[in-house]
Amino acid sequence: MNLKPKTIALAFFDSLRSLSLAHVNEVLHVLEAFRQTHATEPLLRDFLSHPHIPVQEKLQKIQAIFKAVANKEAEALLLFLVRQKNADSLSIILPLLHDLRDEHFGVLSVHATTESVLSHEQQETLKETLKNAFEKKTVELTTQINPDLLGGVVIRAGDQLLDASLRTQLEKIQLALHV
């Protein structure tokens, strides 16, 4: 019987609750690296999904891979998924684990798009502002450059979008003048 990805994510995250945020991030990083490899390497994907390769042989391969990585939590989840013949579900489970991590540790994951590179000081100011506005303990900020914005910033935090770009402001003015 295959368990639902949400059930697996909840049970697995329960085993991580006593770990530090840094340790949980390391586990998620290792799982993400494995997910990317699984998605881009047909040999690995075919090996793990092949119905005629014994589960024990697949488990041994996972254990061999994780000897070098030395992350027992990530290894345990992958071994479980292989035993369940459900390694493909990692791509569904991983975002759920990130959400559980964010909720448990009070983390706000933010993606900011700007016209030019933000200095370290600007990034820290933005993180502190968002941390206070969203009442979170930690803000994880990723940035992207888009010269078409002309200035300002577009922020995505969870399912919320704040577009404070100069380009959008100019478009609003242009619309208002044509009405």
Foldseek 3Di string as FASTA:
>chain_A
DDDDLLVLLVVLVVVVLVDDLVLLVLLLVVLVVVLVCCVPPVVLVCQLLPPPDDLVVNLVVLVVVCVVVVNVSNNVSCNVCSVSSHNNCSVVNSVSNVVVSCVSQQEWEKEKEFQDDDDPVRVVVVFVVVCVVVVGPGYHYDYHHDNVLVGDMWMDIPPDIDDPGPNVVVVVVVVVVVD
